[in-house]
Amino acid sequence: MKIRGIEKRDRPGLKAILQAQEHFRPVEVQVALDLIDIALTQPNQEDYIIRVAEEEEGQILGYICYGKAPLTDAVYDLYWVVVTPASWNRGTGTSLLRQVEEELRRRQARLLLIETSSQPSYEVPRAFYRRNGFEEQARVLDYYGIGDHKLIFSKTFTP
């Protein structure tokens, strides 16, 4: 598996991977595609940095999107970690996350934040974050809708 920067040719494959996620609503897929489009059309921006995982044959396995949180000193947001359902529990997501963590250490980041839903359909992503050293820091009740809380996970980097 190779991890590299996003390229224009990746968009159809990334869209298919997003649409294959049973827990994503159509609006979530659209938001993810909007960020992909920003990364593709504005390559020098640093709000949405995307890394793509692909097999040697060129098949896209997943991607990760992150960026620096505005008005902070070395805090980053992790927006998306998405892999093909066939790649779940095969290390693709973890490899993408490790790549980003290495990049953030080089940038001297001190904190990485992830926001996610409290809905049962998001238990797999939440378990992934916990397995990779993230801790729940906050819970905003009824954020996405009544009974759908925003959970904020974080991971601290030491200098």
N, C-alpha and C. Protein backbone atom coordinates (compact mmCIF):
# COMPACT_ATOMS: atom_id res chain seq x y z
N MET A 1 0.84 -1.18 0.00
CA MET A 1 0.00 0.00 0.00
C MET A 1 0.89 1.24 0.00
N LYS A 2 0.44 2.24 -0.76
CA LYS A 2 1.16 3.50 -0.87
C LYS A 2 0.21 4.62 -0.42
N ILE A 3 0.76 5.59 0.31
CA ILE A 3 0.00 6.76 0.72
C ILE A 3 0.61 7.97 0.03
N ARG A 4 -0.24 8.75 -0.61
CA ARG A 4 0.24 9.87 -1.41
C ARG A 4 -0.77 11.01 -1.35
N GLY A 5 -0.40 12.15 -1.90
CA GLY A 5 -1.31 13.27 -1.99
C GLY A 5 -2.43 12.99 -2.98
N ILE A 6 -3.52 13.72 -2.83
CA ILE A 6 -4.67 13.55 -3.71
C ILE A 6 -4.37 14.06 -5.11
N GLU A 7 -4.98 13.40 -6.10
CA GLU A 7 -4.86 13.80 -7.51
C GLU A 7 -6.27 13.85 -8.11
N LYS A 8 -6.42 14.62 -9.18
CA LYS A 8 -7.75 14.78 -9.79
C LYS A 8 -8.37 13.45 -10.19
N ARG A 9 -7.57 12.53 -10.64
CA ARG A 9 -8.08 11.23 -11.07
C ARG A 9 -8.69 10.42 -9.92
N ASP A 10 -8.44 10.83 -8.68
CA ASP A 10 -8.94 10.10 -7.50
C ASP A 10 -10.41 10.35 -7.20
N ARG A 11 -10.95 11.47 -7.68
CA ARG A 11 -12.29 11.87 -7.23
C ARG A 11 -13.37 10.80 -7.45
N PRO A 12 -13.48 10.17 -8.63
CA PRO A 12 -14.53 9.16 -8.79
C PRO A 12 -14.40 7.99 -7.80
N GLY A 13 -13.19 7.55 -7.58
CA GLY A 13 -12.97 6.46 -6.63
C GLY A 13 -13.29 6.86 -5.20
N LEU A 14 -12.93 8.08 -4.83
CA LEU A 14 -13.24 8.57 -3.48
C LEU A 14 -14.74 8.72 -3.30
N LYS A 15 -15.42 9.19 -4.34
CA LYS A 15 -16.88 9.31 -4.26
C LYS A 15 -17.52 7.94 -4.05
N ALA A 16 -17.05 6.94 -4.77
CA ALA A 16 -17.59 5.59 -4.62
C ALA A 16 -17.35 5.05 -3.21
N ILE A 17 -16.18 5.32 -2.65
CA ILE A 17 -15.89 4.87 -1.29
C ILE A 17 -16.80 5.57 -0.28
N LEU A 18 -17.01 6.86 -0.46
CA LEU A 18 -17.91 7.59 0.43
C LEU A 18 -19.34 7.04 0.34
N GLN A 19 -19.80 6.77 -0.86
CA GLN A 19 -21.16 6.26 -1.04
C GLN A 19 -21.32 4.83 -0.52
N ALA A 20 -20.23 4.11 -0.36
CA ALA A 20 -20.29 2.73 0.15
C ALA A 20 -20.39 2.67 1.67
N GLN A 21 -20.25 3.81 2.34
CA GLN A 21 -20.32 3.84 3.80
C GLN A 21 -21.79 3.86 4.24
N GLU A 22 -22.23 2.79 4.86
CA GLU A 22 -23.63 2.69 5.25
C GLU A 22 -24.04 3.73 6.29
N HIS A 23 -23.10 4.20 7.10
CA HIS A 23 -23.45 5.14 8.16
C HIS A 23 -23.46 6.60 7.69
N PHE A 24 -23.04 6.88 6.46
CA PHE A 24 -23.05 8.25 5.96
C PHE A 24 -24.40 8.58 5.32
N ARG A 25 -24.95 9.71 5.69
CA ARG A 25 -26.14 10.24 5.03
C ARG A 25 -25.69 10.95 3.76
N PRO A 26 -26.59 11.14 2.79
CA PRO A 26 -26.20 11.83 1.54
C PRO A 26 -25.56 13.20 1.78
N VAL A 27 -26.04 13.95 2.76
CA VAL A 27 -25.47 15.27 3.03
C VAL A 27 -24.02 15.14 3.51
N GLU A 28 -23.69 14.09 4.24
CA GLU A 28 -22.32 13.88 4.69
C GLU A 28 -21.41 13.56 3.51
N VAL A 29 -21.91 12.74 2.59
CA VAL A 29 -21.13 12.44 1.39
C VAL A 29 -20.87 13.73 0.61
N GLN A 30 -21.87 14.58 0.50
CA GLN A 30 -21.70 15.83 -0.24
C GLN A 30 -20.67 16.75 0.43
N VAL A 31 -20.72 16.85 1.76
CA VAL A 31 -19.74 17.69 2.46
C VAL A 31 -18.33 17.15 2.23
N ALA A 32 -18.17 15.83 2.32
CA ALA A 32 -16.85 15.23 2.08
C ALA A 32 -16.38 15.54 0.66
N LEU A 33 -17.27 15.43 -0.31
CA LEU A 33 -16.91 15.74 -1.70
C LEU A 33 -16.56 17.21 -1.88
N ASP A 34 -17.25 18.08 -1.16
CA ASP A 34 -16.93 19.50 -1.22
C ASP A 34 -15.49 19.76 -0.75
N LEU A 35 -15.08 19.08 0.32
CA LEU A 35 -13.71 19.26 0.82
C LEU A 35 -12.70 18.67 -0.16
N ILE A 36 -13.05 17.54 -0.76
CA ILE A 36 -12.18 16.95 -1.80
C ILE A 36 -12.01 17.94 -2.94
N ASP A 37 -13.11 18.56 -3.35
CA ASP A 37 -13.04 19.52 -4.46
C ASP A 37 -12.18 20.73 -4.10
N ILE A 38 -12.27 21.19 -2.87
CA ILE A 38 -11.41 22.30 -2.45
C ILE A 38 -9.94 21.89 -2.54
N ALA A 39 -9.63 20.70 -2.04
CA ALA A 39 -8.24 20.22 -2.09
C ALA A 39 -7.74 20.08 -3.53
N LEU A 40 -8.63 19.68 -4.43
CA LEU A 40 -8.23 19.49 -5.83
C LEU A 40 -8.12 20.79 -6.61
N THR A 41 -8.99 21.75 -6.32
CA THR A 41 -9.00 22.98 -7.11
C THR A 41 -8.13 24.09 -6.53
N GLN A 42 -7.75 23.93 -5.25
CA GLN A 42 -6.91 24.93 -4.59
C GLN A 42 -5.72 24.21 -3.94
N PRO A 43 -4.82 23.70 -4.74
CA PRO A 43 -3.76 22.84 -4.20
C PRO A 43 -2.83 23.50 -3.19
N ASN A 44 -2.77 24.83 -3.16
CA ASN A 44 -1.87 25.50 -2.22
C ASN A 44 -2.52 25.84 -0.88
N GLN A 45 -3.83 25.62 -0.75
CA GLN A 45 -4.49 25.87 0.54
C GLN A 45 -4.09 24.78 1.53
N GLU A 46 -4.19 25.06 2.79
CA GLU A 46 -3.81 24.07 3.81
C GLU A 46 -4.93 23.80 4.80
N ASP A 47 -6.15 24.24 4.46
CA ASP A 47 -7.28 23.98 5.34
C ASP A 47 -7.72 22.51 5.27
N TYR A 48 -7.62 21.93 4.09
CA TYR A 48 -8.06 20.55 3.86
C TYR A 48 -6.96 19.81 3.10
N ILE A 49 -6.14 19.11 3.85
CA ILE A 49 -5.04 18.34 3.29
C ILE A 49 -5.51 16.90 3.19
N ILE A 50 -5.35 16.30 2.03
CA ILE A 50 -5.86 14.94 1.81
C ILE A 50 -4.72 14.03 1.38
N ARG A 51 -4.69 12.88 2.02
CA ARG A 51 -3.77 11.79 1.66
C ARG A 51 -4.61 10.59 1.25
N VAL A 52 -4.19 9.91 0.19
CA VAL A 52 -4.92 8.79 -0.37
C VAL A 52 -4.10 7.51 -0.21
N ALA A 53 -4.76 6.43 0.17
CA ALA A 53 -4.11 5.12 0.25
C ALA A 53 -4.52 4.32 -0.99
N GLU A 54 -3.53 3.74 -1.65
CA GLU A 54 -3.84 2.93 -2.82
C GLU A 54 -2.99 1.67 -2.83
N GLU A 55 -3.53 0.64 -3.48
CA GLU A 55 -2.77 -0.59 -3.67
C GLU A 55 -1.77 -0.37 -4.80
N GLU A 56 -0.84 -1.29 -4.92
CA GLU A 56 0.18 -1.16 -5.96
C GLU A 56 -0.44 -1.09 -7.35
N GLU A 57 -1.59 -1.74 -7.54
CA GLU A 57 -2.25 -1.73 -8.84
C GLU A 57 -2.99 -0.42 -9.10
N GLY A 58 -3.00 0.48 -8.12
CA GLY A 58 -3.65 1.77 -8.29
C GLY A 58 -5.06 1.85 -7.75
N GLN A 59 -5.59 0.76 -7.20
CA GLN A 59 -6.94 0.80 -6.63
C GLN A 59 -6.93 1.61 -5.34
N ILE A 60 -7.83 2.57 -5.22
CA ILE A 60 -7.91 3.41 -4.03
C ILE A 60 -8.57 2.63 -2.90
N LEU A 61 -7.91 2.64 -1.74
CA LEU A 61 -8.43 1.94 -0.56
C LEU A 61 -9.11 2.89 0.42
N GLY A 62 -8.73 4.16 0.39
CA GLY A 62 -9.32 5.11 1.32
C GLY A 62 -8.56 6.42 1.30
N TYR A 63 -9.01 7.31 2.19
CA TYR A 63 -8.33 8.60 2.29
C TYR A 63 -8.53 9.19 3.68
N ILE A 64 -7.73 10.22 3.95
CA ILE A 64 -7.81 10.95 5.20
C ILE A 64 -7.72 12.44 4.87
N CYS A 65 -8.51 13.24 5.58
CA CYS A 65 -8.53 14.68 5.37
C CYS A 65 -8.34 15.38 6.71
N TYR A 66 -7.40 16.32 6.75
CA TYR A 66 -7.13 17.06 7.98
C TYR A 66 -6.69 18.47 7.64
N GLY A 67 -6.65 19.32 8.65
CA GLY A 67 -6.18 20.68 8.44
C GLY A 67 -5.98 21.40 9.76
N LYS A 68 -5.25 22.48 9.70
CA LYS A 68 -4.97 23.27 10.91
C LYS A 68 -6.24 24.00 11.35
N ALA A 69 -6.53 23.94 12.63
CA ALA A 69 -7.68 24.64 13.17
C ALA A 69 -7.36 26.14 13.19
N PRO A 70 -8.22 26.96 12.61
CA PRO A 70 -7.96 28.40 12.59
C PRO A 70 -7.84 28.98 14.00
N LEU A 71 -7.03 30.00 14.13
CA LEU A 71 -6.85 30.76 15.37
C LEU A 71 -6.26 29.95 16.52
N THR A 72 -5.58 28.86 16.19
CA THR A 72 -4.95 28.04 17.23
C THR A 72 -3.45 28.00 17.00
N ASP A 73 -2.73 27.65 18.04
CA ASP A 73 -1.30 27.44 17.90
C ASP A 73 -1.03 25.94 17.89
N ALA A 74 -1.00 25.38 16.70
CA ALA A 74 -0.60 23.99 16.50
C ALA A 74 -1.68 22.96 16.86
N VAL A 75 -2.95 23.32 16.66
CA VAL A 75 -4.05 22.36 16.81
C VAL A 75 -4.58 22.04 15.42
N TYR A 76 -4.85 20.77 15.18
CA TYR A 76 -5.35 20.31 13.88
C TYR A 76 -6.66 19.57 14.06
N ASP A 77 -7.48 19.63 13.02
CA ASP A 77 -8.74 18.89 12.98
C ASP A 77 -8.59 17.75 11.99
N LEU A 78 -9.11 16.59 12.37
CA LEU A 78 -9.19 15.45 11.47
C LEU A 78 -10.63 15.39 11.00
N TYR A 79 -10.84 15.64 9.71
CA TYR A 79 -12.20 15.75 9.18
C TYR A 79 -12.76 14.41 8.73
N TRP A 80 -11.97 13.63 8.04
CA TRP A 80 -12.47 12.36 7.50
C TRP A 80 -11.36 11.31 7.50
N VAL A 81 -11.70 10.11 7.88
CA VAL A 81 -10.90 8.92 7.64
C VAL A 81 -11.89 7.93 7.05
N VAL A 82 -11.74 7.62 5.78
CA VAL A 82 -12.71 6.77 5.10
C VAL A 82 -11.96 5.71 4.30
N VAL A 83 -12.32 4.46 4.51
CA VAL A 83 -11.73 3.36 3.73
C VAL A 83 -12.85 2.50 3.17
N THR A 84 -12.52 1.78 2.12
CA THR A 84 -13.51 0.87 1.54
C THR A 84 -13.94 -0.13 2.60
N PRO A 85 -15.21 -0.50 2.62
CA PRO A 85 -15.65 -1.50 3.60
C PRO A 85 -14.82 -2.78 3.55
N ALA A 86 -14.34 -3.17 2.38
CA ALA A 86 -13.51 -4.37 2.27
C ALA A 86 -12.16 -4.21 2.97
N SER A 87 -11.76 -2.97 3.22
CA SER A 87 -10.47 -2.71 3.87
C SER A 87 -10.59 -2.49 5.37
N TRP A 88 -11.80 -2.51 5.91
CA TRP A 88 -11.96 -2.34 7.35
C TRP A 88 -11.21 -3.45 8.08
N ASN A 89 -10.56 -3.09 9.15
CA ASN A 89 -9.80 -4.03 9.99
C ASN A 89 -8.63 -4.66 9.25
N ARG A 90 -8.11 -4.00 8.25
CA ARG A 90 -6.94 -4.49 7.52
C ARG A 90 -5.77 -3.53 7.60
N GLY A 91 -5.90 -2.49 8.43
CA GLY A 91 -4.79 -1.58 8.66
C GLY A 91 -4.74 -0.36 7.78
N THR A 92 -5.65 -0.22 6.83
CA THR A 92 -5.61 0.93 5.93
C THR A 92 -5.85 2.22 6.68
N GLY A 93 -6.91 2.27 7.48
CA GLY A 93 -7.22 3.47 8.25
C GLY A 93 -6.11 3.82 9.21
N THR A 94 -5.57 2.81 9.87
CA THR A 94 -4.48 3.04 10.82
C THR A 94 -3.24 3.56 10.10
N SER A 95 -2.94 3.03 8.93
CA SER A 95 -1.79 3.51 8.16
C SER A 95 -1.97 4.97 7.75
N LEU A 96 -3.18 5.32 7.32
CA LEU A 96 -3.45 6.71 6.97
C LEU A 96 -3.29 7.61 8.18
N LEU A 97 -3.83 7.17 9.31
CA LEU A 97 -3.74 7.97 10.53
C LEU A 97 -2.29 8.13 10.97
N ARG A 98 -1.49 7.08 10.92
CA ARG A 98 -0.08 7.17 11.30
C ARG A 98 0.68 8.14 10.40
N GLN A 99 0.36 8.11 9.11
CA GLN A 99 1.01 9.04 8.18
C GLN A 99 0.72 10.48 8.57
N VAL A 100 -0.54 10.78 8.89
CA VAL A 100 -0.91 12.13 9.30
C VAL A 100 -0.23 12.49 10.61
N GLU A 101 -0.21 11.58 11.56
CA GLU A 101 0.44 11.86 12.84
C GLU A 101 1.91 12.19 12.65
N GLU A 102 2.59 11.47 11.74
CA GLU A 102 3.99 11.78 11.46
C GLU A 102 4.12 13.19 10.87
N GLU A 103 3.24 13.53 9.94
CA GLU A 103 3.27 14.86 9.35
C GLU A 103 3.02 15.93 10.42
N LEU A 104 2.09 15.67 11.31
CA LEU A 104 1.77 16.65 12.35
C LEU A 104 2.92 16.81 13.33
N ARG A 105 3.62 15.75 13.63
CA ARG A 105 4.79 15.87 14.51
C ARG A 105 5.85 16.73 13.84
N ARG A 106 6.05 16.57 12.54
CA ARG A 106 7.01 17.41 11.81
C ARG A 106 6.58 18.87 11.84
N ARG A 107 5.28 19.11 11.83
CA ARG A 107 4.74 20.48 11.89
C ARG A 107 4.67 20.99 13.33
N GLN A 108 5.10 20.18 14.27
CA GLN A 108 5.09 20.50 15.70
C GLN A 108 3.68 20.75 16.23
N ALA A 109 2.74 19.93 15.75
CA ALA A 109 1.37 20.00 16.26
C ALA A 109 1.36 19.55 17.71
N ARG A 110 0.41 20.07 18.46
CA ARG A 110 0.29 19.64 19.85
C ARG A 110 -1.00 18.90 20.14
N LEU A 111 -2.00 19.03 19.24
CA LEU A 111 -3.29 18.41 19.50
C LEU A 111 -4.00 18.11 18.18
N LEU A 112 -4.63 16.94 18.10
CA LEU A 112 -5.44 16.54 16.95
C LEU A 112 -6.84 16.24 17.46
N LEU A 113 -7.83 16.90 16.87
CA LEU A 113 -9.23 16.75 17.29
C LEU A 113 -10.05 16.06 16.21
N ILE A 114 -11.02 15.27 16.66
CA ILE A 114 -11.97 14.60 15.77
C ILE A 114 -13.36 14.82 16.34
N GLU A 115 -14.29 15.19 15.49
CA GLU A 115 -15.69 15.31 15.89
C GLU A 115 -16.48 14.21 15.20
N THR A 116 -17.41 13.58 15.93
CA THR A 116 -18.21 12.52 15.33
C THR A 116 -19.56 12.44 16.02
N SER A 117 -20.40 11.63 15.47
CA SER A 117 -21.76 11.46 15.97
C SER A 117 -21.83 10.40 17.07
N SER A 118 -22.83 10.56 17.93
CA SER A 118 -23.06 9.58 19.00
C SER A 118 -23.97 8.44 18.55
N GLN A 119 -24.47 8.49 17.33
CA GLN A 119 -25.41 7.48 16.86
C GLN A 119 -24.76 6.09 16.85
N PRO A 120 -25.55 5.05 17.10
CA PRO A 120 -25.01 3.68 17.10
C PRO A 120 -24.29 3.32 15.80
N SER A 121 -24.74 3.87 14.67
CA SER A 121 -24.10 3.55 13.39
C SER A 121 -22.66 4.06 13.31
N TYR A 122 -22.27 4.94 14.24
CA TYR A 122 -20.91 5.47 14.27
C TYR A 122 -20.03 4.78 15.31
N GLU A 123 -20.47 3.67 15.85
CA GLU A 123 -19.67 2.97 16.86
C GLU A 123 -18.36 2.45 16.27
N VAL A 124 -18.39 1.96 15.03
CA VAL A 124 -17.15 1.46 14.41
C VAL A 124 -16.10 2.57 14.31
N PRO A 125 -16.44 3.75 13.78
CA PRO A 125 -15.43 4.82 13.77
C PRO A 125 -14.97 5.22 15.18
N ARG A 126 -15.90 5.29 16.13
CA ARG A 126 -15.50 5.68 17.49
C ARG A 126 -14.55 4.65 18.09
N ALA A 127 -14.82 3.38 17.85
CA ALA A 127 -13.91 2.33 18.35
C ALA A 127 -12.54 2.45 17.68
N PHE A 128 -12.52 2.80 16.40
CA PHE A 128 -11.25 3.01 15.69
C PHE A 128 -10.45 4.13 16.35
N TYR A 129 -11.10 5.24 16.66
CA TYR A 129 -10.40 6.36 17.30
C TYR A 129 -9.84 5.93 18.65
N ARG A 130 -10.63 5.25 19.43
CA ARG A 130 -10.16 4.81 20.76
C ARG A 130 -8.97 3.87 20.64
N ARG A 131 -9.05 2.92 19.71
CA ARG A 131 -7.94 1.97 19.51
C ARG A 131 -6.66 2.68 19.13
N ASN A 132 -6.80 3.84 18.51
CA ASN A 132 -5.63 4.59 18.04
C ASN A 132 -5.23 5.72 18.97
N GLY A 133 -5.64 5.63 20.23
CA GLY A 133 -5.13 6.54 21.24
C GLY A 133 -5.90 7.83 21.44
N PHE A 134 -7.08 7.96 20.84
CA PHE A 134 -7.90 9.14 21.04
C PHE A 134 -8.81 8.95 22.24
N GLU A 135 -9.05 10.04 22.95
CA GLU A 135 -9.93 10.01 24.12
C GLU A 135 -11.06 10.99 23.93
N GLU A 136 -12.24 10.60 24.39
CA GLU A 136 -13.37 11.52 24.30
C GLU A 136 -13.15 12.66 25.29
N GLN A 137 -13.23 13.88 24.78
CA GLN A 137 -13.00 15.07 25.60
C GLN A 137 -14.27 15.85 25.89
N ALA A 138 -15.24 15.77 24.98
CA ALA A 138 -16.46 16.57 25.16
C ALA A 138 -17.62 15.89 24.44
N ARG A 139 -18.80 16.28 24.90
CA ARG A 139 -20.05 15.78 24.32
C ARG A 139 -21.02 16.96 24.30
N VAL A 140 -21.44 17.35 23.10
CA VAL A 140 -22.40 18.43 22.95
C VAL A 140 -23.75 17.78 22.66
N LEU A 141 -24.64 17.86 23.61
CA LEU A 141 -25.93 17.18 23.51
C LEU A 141 -26.78 17.74 22.39
N ASP A 142 -27.45 16.84 21.68
CA ASP A 142 -28.42 17.20 20.63
C ASP A 142 -27.84 18.10 19.55
N TYR A 143 -26.56 17.98 19.26
CA TYR A 143 -25.89 18.86 18.31
C TYR A 143 -26.38 18.65 16.86
N TYR A 144 -26.29 17.39 16.38
CA TYR A 144 -26.68 17.10 15.00
C TYR A 144 -28.19 16.99 14.85
N GLY A 145 -28.86 16.69 15.93
CA GLY A 145 -30.30 16.52 15.98
C GLY A 145 -30.66 16.04 17.38
N ILE A 146 -31.93 15.99 17.69
CA ILE A 146 -32.35 15.52 19.00
C ILE A 146 -31.87 14.08 19.18
N GLY A 147 -31.10 13.86 20.24
CA GLY A 147 -30.57 12.53 20.52
C GLY A 147 -29.31 12.17 19.76
N ASP A 148 -28.82 13.06 18.92
CA ASP A 148 -27.60 12.82 18.15
C ASP A 148 -26.56 13.85 18.60
N HIS A 149 -25.72 13.41 19.52
CA HIS A 149 -24.74 14.30 20.15
C HIS A 149 -23.45 14.36 19.35
N LYS A 150 -22.78 15.50 19.45
CA LYS A 150 -21.44 15.63 18.86
C LYS A 150 -20.43 15.19 19.91
N LEU A 151 -19.60 14.22 19.55
CA LEU A 151 -18.53 13.75 20.42
C LEU A 151 -17.22 14.28 19.88
N ILE A 152 -16.41 14.82 20.77
CA ILE A 152 -15.10 15.35 20.37
C ILE A 152 -14.02 14.50 21.01
N PHE A 153 -13.20 13.91 20.16
CA PHE A 153 -12.07 13.09 20.60
C PHE A 153 -10.78 13.87 20.37
N SER A 154 -9.77 13.58 21.17
CA SER A 154 -8.49 14.27 20.96
C SER A 154 -7.32 13.32 21.19
N LYS A 155 -6.21 13.72 20.61
CA LYS A 155 -4.93 13.04 20.82
C LYS A 155 -3.89 14.13 20.96
N THR A 156 -3.09 14.04 22.02
CA THR A 156 -2.07 15.04 22.31
C THR A 156 -0.72 14.54 21.81
N PHE A 157 0.03 15.46 21.23
CA PHE A 157 1.40 15.16 20.79
C PHE A 157 2.36 15.86 21.74
N THR A 158 3.35 15.15 22.20
CA THR A 158 4.35 15.75 23.08
C THR A 158 5.57 16.14 22.24
N PRO A 159 6.17 17.28 22.54
CA PRO A 159 7.32 17.74 21.76
C PRO A 159 8.53 16.83 21.94
